[in-house]
Protein backbone atom coordinates (compact mmCIF):
# COMPACT_ATOMS: atom_id res chain seq x y z
CA ASP A 1 83.37 81.95 130.39
CA GLY A 2 83.11 78.63 132.47
CA LEU A 3 86.13 76.98 130.90
CA ARG A 4 89.13 75.80 133.13
CA ARG A 5 92.10 77.30 132.11
CA ASP A 6 94.59 74.39 131.62
CA MET A 7 98.24 75.85 130.73
CA ARG A 8 100.11 73.03 131.06
CA LEU A 9 97.93 71.34 128.35
CA GLY A 10 97.83 74.15 126.25
CA ILE A 11 101.62 74.24 126.09
CA ARG A 12 101.74 70.53 125.24
CA LEU A 13 99.08 70.87 122.30
CA ILE A 14 101.36 74.17 121.31
CA GLU A 15 103.99 72.38 121.47
CA CYS A 16 102.51 69.14 119.41
CA ALA A 17 101.22 71.24 116.77
CA ALA A 18 105.22 73.21 116.11
CA ARG A 19 106.12 69.80 116.30
CA MET A 20 103.65 68.89 113.13
CA GLY A 21 104.95 71.87 111.54
CA ASN A 22 102.52 74.55 112.62
CA VAL A 23 104.42 78.22 112.09
CA PHE A 24 102.02 79.71 113.90
CA ALA A 25 102.91 77.36 117.24
CA HIS A 26 106.19 77.87 116.48
CA HIS A 27 105.89 81.94 117.19
CA GLU A 28 103.67 81.00 120.03
CA LEU A 29 106.50 78.71 121.65
CA GLY A 30 109.15 81.99 121.00
CA LEU A 31 106.90 83.96 123.09
CA LEU A 32 106.67 81.91 125.73
CA TYR A 33 110.00 81.34 126.24
CA LYS A 34 111.40 84.62 125.57
CA ASN A 35 109.23 85.70 128.34
CA GLY A 36 109.40 82.82 130.56
CA GLU A 37 105.87 82.73 130.34
CA HIS A 38 104.34 79.46 131.60
CA THR A 39 107.85 77.89 131.70
CA LYS A 40 110.49 77.14 134.06
CA ARG A 41 112.56 79.48 132.94
CA GLN A 42 113.52 82.05 130.37
CA ASP A 43 115.61 80.45 127.44
CA HIS A 44 116.92 82.59 124.57
CA ASP A 45 118.51 80.24 122.37
CA LEU A 46 115.01 78.24 122.81
CA SER A 47 112.77 81.25 121.88
CA VAL A 48 115.20 82.34 118.77
CA LYS A 49 114.94 78.78 117.62
CA HIS A 50 111.31 78.38 117.01
CA PHE A 51 110.84 82.60 116.03
CA SER A 52 113.59 81.67 113.36
CA TYR A 53 112.04 78.64 112.07
CA ALA A 54 108.43 80.12 111.97
CA ALA A 55 110.43 83.46 110.37
CA ARG A 56 111.99 81.20 107.62
CA CYS A 57 108.44 79.92 106.54
CA GLY A 58 107.49 83.24 106.07
CA PHE A 59 105.42 84.44 109.53
CA GLU A 60 106.28 88.20 109.31
CA ASN A 61 105.84 88.20 113.34
CA SER A 62 108.69 85.97 114.02
CA LEU A 63 110.85 87.99 111.88
CA GLN A 64 109.90 91.08 113.08
CA VAL A 65 111.00 89.81 116.91
CA LEU A 66 113.99 88.22 115.52
CA ARG A 67 114.83 92.04 114.14
CA GLY A 68 114.77 93.34 117.57
CA HIS A 69 116.68 90.61 118.87
CA ALA A 70 119.79 91.43 115.73
CA ARG A 71 119.15 95.35 116.92
CA ARG A 72 120.04 94.43 120.70
CA GLU A 73 123.16 92.38 119.53
CA ARG A 74 120.91 89.26 120.98
CA LEU A 75 121.23 87.79 117.58
CA SER A 76 124.34 87.85 114.87
CA VAL A 77 123.24 90.51 111.66
CA ASP A 78 124.86 87.28 109.75
CA GLU A 79 122.23 85.37 111.47
CA PHE A 80 119.22 87.63 110.86
CA ILE A 81 120.37 88.05 106.96
CA GLU A 82 120.06 84.52 106.38
CA ILE A 83 116.75 84.26 108.47
CA GLU A 84 115.19 87.23 106.29
CA LYS A 85 116.53 86.03 103.08
CA ALA A 86 114.79 82.34 103.96
CA TYR A 87 111.66 84.82 105.06
CA LYS A 88 111.40 85.99 101.71
CA GLU A 89 112.16 83.12 99.41
CA ALA A 90 109.24 81.68 101.65
CA ASN A 91 106.96 84.60 100.47
CA GLY A 92 107.85 84.28 97.17
CA GLU A 93 110.13 87.93 97.24
CA ASP A 94 112.89 88.39 94.68
CA ASP A 95 115.88 88.91 96.92
CA GLU A 96 118.24 90.19 94.06
CA GLU A 97 118.03 93.85 93.45
CA SER A 98 116.80 95.27 90.00
CA THR A 99 119.19 95.00 87.17
CA THR A 100 117.66 97.04 84.93
CA SER A 101 119.38 100.53 84.49
CA ASP A 102 117.87 103.86 83.30
CA ASP A 103 121.22 104.42 81.34
CA ASP A 104 118.99 102.12 78.50
């Protein structure tokens, strides 16, 4: 494509966007740290931190990644439930079960 790729600059820009609250940037940083791509090492805690932020803001892909972490016991069930509740609130989903009864 004729453009030189500068991954360090790209990551710095993604980090800047994340500091400004960009949910997609948080998700991308989560992926980078999860896989150890273009970072000094894999960092599970940092990847979960970024995925958690994005999921709490309503980003479904991050919630799905965290669901996998919970299944593999890399994230406690209680932590996942808390994140999922925030995800639902961010997306305007009602977390309460319907209280109407069929007996009426």
